[in-house]
Amino acid sequence: MKALFVLPLMAALAACATPRERCVSEATRNLRVVDRLIVQTEGTLSRGYGVEQYQVTRPTWRQCGWYPVRTRDGHIVRGAPRMCWEDEIETRERAVAVNLNEEAATLKSLRDKRASLARTANAAVAQCAATYPATR
């Protein structure tokens, strides 16, 4: 539910970026993803186990409205609070076994891919700088 409020804010902030900033952001998107994956894989190797996220649903007793009350003069006003059971989704983490040799191979592969993406991103960022020169 909170994501519904954050998305318009993020869209508004993205609209505030200059064309050059948008170009650089687009050019380096894959590089940022690979960097994040490298950090996760290094964390797994340093811990010796993986971390898996899963979701659980638990019922929560919450106020979900008001009972209407009719006054003596016929108006309907808000009366006592009405309570309802609502499902609340909670994200949890648990340790999982991983093959550390496969993780090390994955890390090596990600680092090789990062080097390739960095070269491509540097060229794209230079193109962005040429297309959208800095203005003061």
N, C-alpha and C. Protein backbone atom coordinates (compact mmCIF):
# COMPACT_ATOMS: atom_id res chain seq x y z
N MET A 1 0.82 -1.19 0.00
CA MET A 1 0.00 0.00 0.00
C MET A 1 0.87 1.25 0.00
N LYS A 2 1.96 1.22 0.76
CA LYS A 2 2.85 2.37 0.82
C LYS A 2 3.47 2.65 -0.54
N ALA A 3 3.69 1.59 -1.34
CA ALA A 3 4.29 1.76 -2.66
C ALA A 3 3.40 2.63 -3.55
N LEU A 4 2.10 2.58 -3.37
CA LEU A 4 1.20 3.39 -4.17
C LEU A 4 1.41 4.88 -3.93
N PHE A 5 1.85 5.23 -2.73
CA PHE A 5 2.11 6.63 -2.43
C PHE A 5 3.50 7.04 -2.89
N VAL A 6 4.43 6.10 -2.94
CA VAL A 6 5.81 6.41 -3.29
C VAL A 6 5.98 6.54 -4.80
N LEU A 7 5.24 5.75 -5.58
CA LEU A 7 5.40 5.76 -7.03
C LEU A 7 5.16 7.14 -7.66
N PRO A 8 4.08 7.84 -7.33
CA PRO A 8 3.91 9.18 -7.91
C PRO A 8 5.01 10.14 -7.49
N LEU A 9 5.49 10.00 -6.27
CA LEU A 9 6.58 10.86 -5.81
C LEU A 9 7.84 10.60 -6.62
N MET A 10 8.14 9.32 -6.84
CA MET A 10 9.33 8.97 -7.63
C MET A 10 9.19 9.47 -9.06
N ALA A 11 7.99 9.36 -9.62
CA ALA A 11 7.76 9.84 -10.98
C ALA A 11 7.95 11.35 -11.05
N ALA A 12 7.48 12.05 -10.04
CA ALA A 12 7.63 13.51 -10.02
C ALA A 12 9.10 13.89 -9.91
N LEU A 13 9.85 13.17 -9.08
CA LEU A 13 11.28 13.47 -8.95
C LEU A 13 12.04 13.14 -10.22
N ALA A 14 11.65 12.07 -10.89
CA ALA A 14 12.31 11.71 -12.15
C ALA A 14 12.06 12.78 -13.21
N ALA A 15 10.89 13.39 -13.17
CA ALA A 15 10.57 14.44 -14.13
C ALA A 15 11.41 15.68 -13.89
N CYS A 16 11.97 15.84 -12.69
CA CYS A 16 12.79 17.00 -12.37
C CYS A 16 14.22 16.85 -12.88
N ALA A 17 14.63 15.65 -13.27
CA ALA A 17 15.99 15.44 -13.74
C ALA A 17 16.18 16.13 -15.08
N THR A 18 17.40 16.60 -15.29
CA THR A 18 17.72 17.22 -16.58
C THR A 18 17.81 16.13 -17.64
N PRO A 19 17.73 16.50 -18.90
CA PRO A 19 17.88 15.49 -19.96
C PRO A 19 19.22 14.75 -19.87
N ARG A 20 20.26 15.47 -19.49
CA ARG A 20 21.57 14.83 -19.35
C ARG A 20 21.56 13.81 -18.22
N GLU A 21 20.95 14.16 -17.08
CA GLU A 21 20.88 13.22 -15.95
C GLU A 21 20.07 11.99 -16.32
N ARG A 22 18.96 12.18 -17.05
CA ARG A 22 18.16 11.03 -17.48
C ARG A 22 18.94 10.14 -18.44
N CYS A 23 19.71 10.76 -19.33
CA CYS A 23 20.52 10.01 -20.28
C CYS A 23 21.58 9.18 -19.56
N VAL A 24 22.27 9.80 -18.59
CA VAL A 24 23.31 9.10 -17.83
C VAL A 24 22.70 7.98 -17.00
N SER A 25 21.55 8.25 -16.39
CA SER A 25 20.88 7.23 -15.60
C SER A 25 20.50 6.02 -16.45
N GLU A 26 19.98 6.27 -17.63
CA GLU A 26 19.61 5.17 -18.53
C GLU A 26 20.85 4.42 -19.00
N ALA A 27 21.93 5.14 -19.26
CA ALA A 27 23.16 4.50 -19.75
C ALA A 27 23.83 3.63 -18.70
N THR A 28 23.63 3.94 -17.43
CA THR A 28 24.31 3.20 -16.37
C THR A 28 23.38 2.25 -15.60
N ARG A 29 22.16 2.08 -16.07
CA ARG A 29 21.18 1.24 -15.35
C ARG A 29 21.68 -0.20 -15.18
N ASN A 30 22.13 -0.84 -16.26
CA ASN A 30 22.59 -2.23 -16.17
C ASN A 30 23.82 -2.35 -15.27
N LEU A 31 24.68 -1.36 -15.31
CA LEU A 31 25.87 -1.37 -14.46
C LEU A 31 25.48 -1.32 -12.98
N ARG A 32 24.48 -0.52 -12.64
CA ARG A 32 24.02 -0.45 -11.25
C ARG A 32 23.41 -1.77 -10.80
N VAL A 33 22.69 -2.43 -11.68
CA VAL A 33 22.09 -3.73 -11.34
C VAL A 33 23.19 -4.75 -11.07
N VAL A 34 24.18 -4.81 -11.94
CA VAL A 34 25.27 -5.77 -11.76
C VAL A 34 26.06 -5.45 -10.49
N ASP A 35 26.27 -4.18 -10.19
CA ASP A 35 26.95 -3.80 -8.95
C ASP A 35 26.18 -4.30 -7.73
N ARG A 36 24.87 -4.17 -7.75
CA ARG A 36 24.04 -4.63 -6.64
C ARG A 36 24.13 -6.15 -6.50
N LEU A 37 24.14 -6.87 -7.62
CA LEU A 37 24.27 -8.33 -7.58
C LEU A 37 25.63 -8.76 -7.06
N ILE A 38 26.67 -8.01 -7.41
CA ILE A 38 28.01 -8.32 -6.90
C ILE A 38 28.05 -8.18 -5.39
N VAL A 39 27.47 -7.11 -4.87
CA VAL A 39 27.44 -6.90 -3.41
C VAL A 39 26.68 -8.03 -2.72
N GLN A 40 25.55 -8.45 -3.29
CA GLN A 40 24.78 -9.55 -2.70
C GLN A 40 25.58 -10.86 -2.72
N THR A 41 26.25 -11.14 -3.82
CA THR A 41 27.01 -12.38 -3.93
C THR A 41 28.20 -12.37 -2.98
N GLU A 42 28.87 -11.22 -2.85
CA GLU A 42 29.98 -11.11 -1.89
C GLU A 42 29.49 -11.33 -0.47
N GLY A 43 28.32 -10.80 -0.15
CA GLY A 43 27.73 -11.00 1.18
C GLY A 43 27.44 -12.46 1.44
N THR A 44 26.91 -13.16 0.44
CA THR A 44 26.63 -14.58 0.58
C THR A 44 27.91 -15.37 0.83
N LEU A 45 28.96 -15.05 0.08
CA LEU A 45 30.23 -15.74 0.27
C LEU A 45 30.85 -15.45 1.63
N SER A 46 30.75 -14.23 2.09
CA SER A 46 31.36 -13.89 3.39
C SER A 46 30.59 -14.53 4.55
N ARG A 47 29.26 -14.65 4.43
CA ARG A 47 28.46 -15.29 5.47
C ARG A 47 28.58 -16.80 5.42
N GLY A 48 28.68 -17.35 4.22
CA GLY A 48 28.72 -18.79 4.07
C GLY A 48 27.35 -19.40 3.83
N TYR A 49 26.33 -18.60 3.73
CA TYR A 49 24.97 -19.07 3.46
C TYR A 49 24.20 -17.96 2.76
N GLY A 50 23.14 -18.34 2.10
CA GLY A 50 22.30 -17.37 1.41
C GLY A 50 21.17 -16.90 2.31
N VAL A 51 20.53 -15.85 1.90
CA VAL A 51 19.38 -15.31 2.62
C VAL A 51 18.21 -15.26 1.64
N GLU A 52 17.11 -15.87 2.05
CA GLU A 52 15.92 -15.92 1.22
C GLU A 52 14.82 -15.10 1.88
N GLN A 53 14.14 -14.29 1.08
CA GLN A 53 13.01 -13.54 1.60
C GLN A 53 11.73 -14.30 1.29
N TYR A 54 10.81 -14.29 2.25
CA TYR A 54 9.51 -14.90 2.04
C TYR A 54 8.47 -14.04 2.76
N GLN A 55 7.23 -14.22 2.35
CA GLN A 55 6.16 -13.41 2.92
C GLN A 55 5.18 -14.29 3.69
N VAL A 56 4.72 -13.75 4.79
CA VAL A 56 3.69 -14.41 5.59
C VAL A 56 2.52 -13.44 5.74
N THR A 57 1.36 -14.00 5.87
CA THR A 57 0.16 -13.20 6.08
C THR A 57 -0.34 -13.46 7.48
N ARG A 58 -0.63 -12.37 8.19
CA ARG A 58 -1.18 -12.54 9.53
C ARG A 58 -2.36 -11.60 9.70
N PRO A 59 -3.41 -12.08 10.34
CA PRO A 59 -4.58 -11.23 10.54
C PRO A 59 -4.31 -10.17 11.61
N THR A 60 -4.82 -8.98 11.37
CA THR A 60 -4.65 -7.88 12.31
C THR A 60 -6.01 -7.24 12.55
N TRP A 61 -6.30 -6.94 13.81
CA TRP A 61 -7.57 -6.32 14.21
C TRP A 61 -7.42 -4.82 14.08
N ARG A 62 -8.15 -4.21 13.13
CA ARG A 62 -8.00 -2.78 12.85
C ARG A 62 -9.36 -2.11 12.70
N GLN A 63 -9.33 -0.82 12.90
CA GLN A 63 -10.54 -0.04 12.66
C GLN A 63 -10.71 0.10 11.16
N CYS A 64 -11.90 -0.21 10.67
CA CYS A 64 -12.13 -0.15 9.23
C CYS A 64 -13.31 0.76 8.89
N GLY A 65 -13.72 1.57 9.80
CA GLY A 65 -14.82 2.49 9.52
C GLY A 65 -15.58 2.83 10.79
N TRP A 66 -16.78 3.35 10.59
CA TRP A 66 -17.62 3.79 11.71
C TRP A 66 -19.03 3.27 11.48
N TYR A 67 -19.68 2.94 12.55
CA TYR A 67 -21.10 2.59 12.46
C TYR A 67 -21.89 3.89 12.40
N PRO A 68 -22.87 3.96 11.49
CA PRO A 68 -23.68 5.17 11.42
C PRO A 68 -24.72 5.20 12.56
N VAL A 69 -24.96 6.39 13.05
CA VAL A 69 -25.96 6.58 14.11
C VAL A 69 -26.91 7.69 13.67
N ARG A 70 -28.19 7.45 13.82
CA ARG A 70 -29.18 8.47 13.45
C ARG A 70 -29.52 9.27 14.70
N THR A 71 -29.43 10.57 14.60
CA THR A 71 -29.76 11.44 15.73
C THR A 71 -31.28 11.63 15.80
N ARG A 72 -31.74 12.27 16.86
CA ARG A 72 -33.18 12.48 17.05
C ARG A 72 -33.80 13.33 15.95
N ASP A 73 -33.00 14.23 15.39
CA ASP A 73 -33.55 15.08 14.33
C ASP A 73 -33.41 14.45 12.94
N GLY A 74 -32.94 13.20 12.85
CA GLY A 74 -32.91 12.47 11.59
C GLY A 74 -31.57 12.49 10.87
N HIS A 75 -30.61 13.26 11.34
CA HIS A 75 -29.29 13.28 10.69
C HIS A 75 -28.52 12.00 11.02
N ILE A 76 -27.72 11.58 10.06
CA ILE A 76 -26.86 10.41 10.30
C ILE A 76 -25.45 10.92 10.58
N VAL A 77 -24.92 10.50 11.71
CA VAL A 77 -23.58 10.93 12.12
C VAL A 77 -22.72 9.70 12.39
N ARG A 78 -21.46 9.97 12.56
CA ARG A 78 -20.51 8.89 12.83
C ARG A 78 -20.68 8.43 14.27
N GLY A 79 -20.82 7.12 14.43
CA GLY A 79 -21.01 6.56 15.76
C GLY A 79 -19.76 5.84 16.25
N ALA A 80 -19.95 4.66 16.77
CA ALA A 80 -18.84 3.89 17.32
C ALA A 80 -17.94 3.37 16.19
N PRO A 81 -16.66 3.20 16.49
CA PRO A 81 -15.77 2.66 15.47
C PRO A 81 -16.11 1.20 15.15
N ARG A 82 -15.95 0.86 13.88
CA ARG A 82 -16.19 -0.52 13.44
C ARG A 82 -14.83 -1.19 13.26
N MET A 83 -14.68 -2.36 13.82
CA MET A 83 -13.41 -3.08 13.76
C MET A 83 -13.54 -4.27 12.81
N CYS A 84 -12.43 -4.56 12.10
CA CYS A 84 -12.41 -5.67 11.14
C CYS A 84 -11.06 -6.38 11.22
N TRP A 85 -11.08 -7.64 10.79
CA TRP A 85 -9.83 -8.38 10.62
C TRP A 85 -9.31 -8.08 9.22
N GLU A 86 -8.06 -7.63 9.14
CA GLU A 86 -7.43 -7.38 7.85
C GLU A 86 -6.14 -8.17 7.79
N ASP A 87 -5.86 -8.73 6.63
CA ASP A 87 -4.61 -9.46 6.46
C ASP A 87 -3.46 -8.47 6.27
N GLU A 88 -2.40 -8.71 7.00
CA GLU A 88 -1.20 -7.89 6.90
C GLU A 88 -0.08 -8.79 6.37
N ILE A 89 0.58 -8.34 5.31
CA ILE A 89 1.66 -9.12 4.71
C ILE A 89 2.98 -8.64 5.30
N GLU A 90 3.76 -9.57 5.78
CA GLU A 90 5.04 -9.26 6.41
C GLU A 90 6.14 -10.03 5.66
N THR A 91 7.22 -9.35 5.31
CA THR A 91 8.35 -9.99 4.64
C THR A 91 9.38 -10.37 5.69
N ARG A 92 9.79 -11.63 5.64
CA ARG A 92 10.79 -12.14 6.58
C ARG A 92 11.95 -12.73 5.80
N GLU A 93 13.04 -13.00 6.50
CA GLU A 93 14.21 -13.61 5.88
C GLU A 93 14.58 -14.88 6.62
N ARG A 94 15.15 -15.82 5.88
CA ARG A 94 15.65 -17.04 6.50
C ARG A 94 16.93 -17.45 5.78
N ALA A 95 17.77 -18.16 6.49
CA ALA A 95 19.02 -18.65 5.93
C ALA A 95 18.75 -19.86 5.04
N VAL A 96 19.47 -19.94 3.93
CA VAL A 96 19.36 -21.09 3.04
C VAL A 96 20.77 -21.55 2.67
N ALA A 97 20.91 -22.83 2.45
CA ALA A 97 22.19 -23.39 2.06
C ALA A 97 22.47 -23.05 0.59
N VAL A 98 23.72 -22.74 0.29
CA VAL A 98 24.13 -22.46 -1.09
C VAL A 98 25.42 -23.20 -1.37
N ASN A 99 25.66 -23.45 -2.64
CA ASN A 99 26.92 -24.05 -3.06
C ASN A 99 27.92 -22.90 -3.21
N LEU A 100 28.89 -22.83 -2.31
CA LEU A 100 29.83 -21.71 -2.30
C LEU A 100 30.71 -21.68 -3.54
N ASN A 101 31.00 -22.85 -4.13
CA ASN A 101 31.79 -22.88 -5.36
C ASN A 101 31.02 -22.25 -6.51
N GLU A 102 29.72 -22.53 -6.59
CA GLU A 102 28.89 -21.90 -7.62
C GLU A 102 28.78 -20.40 -7.39
N GLU A 103 28.67 -20.00 -6.14
CA GLU A 103 28.60 -18.56 -5.82
C GLU A 103 29.89 -17.86 -6.23
N ALA A 104 31.04 -18.49 -5.99
CA ALA A 104 32.33 -17.91 -6.38
C ALA A 104 32.41 -17.79 -7.90
N ALA A 105 31.93 -18.80 -8.62
CA ALA A 105 31.92 -18.74 -10.09
C ALA A 105 30.98 -17.64 -10.56
N THR A 106 29.84 -17.51 -9.91
CA THR A 106 28.90 -16.45 -10.26
C THR A 106 29.53 -15.07 -10.03
N LEU A 107 30.24 -14.92 -8.92
CA LEU A 107 30.89 -13.64 -8.63
C LEU A 107 31.93 -13.31 -9.69
N LYS A 108 32.72 -14.28 -10.10
CA LYS A 108 33.73 -14.05 -11.14
C LYS A 108 33.04 -13.63 -12.44
N SER A 109 31.95 -14.33 -12.79
CA SER A 109 31.21 -14.00 -13.99
C SER A 109 30.63 -12.58 -13.92
N LEU A 110 30.09 -12.22 -12.76
CA LEU A 110 29.53 -10.86 -12.59
C LEU A 110 30.61 -9.79 -12.71
N ARG A 111 31.77 -10.06 -12.15
CA ARG A 111 32.87 -9.08 -12.25
C ARG A 111 33.33 -8.91 -13.69
N ASP A 112 33.38 -10.02 -14.45
CA ASP A 112 33.74 -9.92 -15.87
C ASP A 112 32.68 -9.12 -16.63
N LYS A 113 31.42 -9.40 -16.34
CA LYS A 113 30.32 -8.68 -17.00
C LYS A 113 30.35 -7.21 -16.62
N ARG A 114 30.71 -6.91 -15.36
CA ARG A 114 30.78 -5.52 -14.92
C ARG A 114 31.83 -4.75 -15.70
N ALA A 115 32.99 -5.38 -15.94
CA ALA A 115 34.05 -4.72 -16.71
C ALA A 115 33.56 -4.38 -18.12
N SER A 116 32.85 -5.31 -18.74
CA SER A 116 32.31 -5.08 -20.07
C SER A 116 31.26 -3.96 -20.05
N LEU A 117 30.36 -4.01 -19.07
CA LEU A 117 29.33 -2.98 -18.96
C LEU A 117 29.91 -1.61 -18.64
N ALA A 118 30.98 -1.58 -17.86
CA ALA A 118 31.61 -0.30 -17.52
C ALA A 118 32.16 0.38 -18.77
N ARG A 119 32.78 -0.41 -19.66
CA ARG A 119 33.29 0.18 -20.91
C ARG A 119 32.15 0.74 -21.74
N THR A 120 31.08 -0.02 -21.86
CA THR A 120 29.92 0.43 -22.62
C THR A 120 29.28 1.66 -21.98
N ALA A 121 29.15 1.64 -20.66
CA ALA A 121 28.53 2.77 -19.95
C ALA A 121 29.38 4.03 -20.07
N ASN A 122 30.71 3.89 -19.99
CA ASN A 122 31.58 5.07 -20.12
C ASN A 122 31.41 5.72 -21.49
N ALA A 123 31.31 4.91 -22.54
CA ALA A 123 31.10 5.46 -23.88
C ALA A 123 29.73 6.13 -23.97
N ALA A 124 28.73 5.52 -23.37
CA ALA A 124 27.38 6.10 -23.41
C ALA A 124 27.30 7.39 -22.61
N VAL A 125 27.99 7.44 -21.47
CA VAL A 125 28.00 8.67 -20.66
C VAL A 125 28.71 9.79 -21.43
N ALA A 126 29.80 9.46 -22.12
CA ALA A 126 30.49 10.46 -22.94
C ALA A 126 29.57 10.97 -24.05
N GLN A 127 28.79 10.07 -24.63
CA GLN A 127 27.82 10.48 -25.65
C GLN A 127 26.75 11.38 -25.06
N CYS A 128 26.32 11.07 -23.85
CA CYS A 128 25.33 11.93 -23.18
C CYS A 128 25.90 13.33 -22.94
N ALA A 129 27.17 13.39 -22.52
CA ALA A 129 27.82 14.69 -22.28
C ALA A 129 27.93 15.48 -23.57
N ALA A 130 28.18 14.78 -24.68
CA ALA A 130 28.28 15.48 -25.97
C ALA A 130 26.91 15.93 -26.46
N THR A 131 25.90 15.10 -26.25
CA THR A 131 24.55 15.44 -26.72
C THR A 131 23.92 16.54 -25.86
N TYR A 132 24.14 16.47 -24.54
CA TYR A 132 23.55 17.45 -23.61
C TYR A 132 24.67 18.14 -22.84
N PRO A 133 25.29 19.17 -23.43
CA PRO A 133 26.38 19.85 -22.71
C PRO A 133 25.86 20.53 -21.45
N ALA A 134 26.75 20.61 -20.47
CA ALA A 134 26.38 21.23 -19.18
C ALA A 134 26.15 22.71 -19.39
N THR A 135 25.05 23.21 -18.83
CA THR A 135 24.74 24.64 -18.92
C THR A 135 24.73 25.22 -17.52
N ARG A 136 25.15 26.44 -17.42
CA ARG A 136 25.17 27.13 -16.11
C ARG A 136 24.37 28.37 -16.17
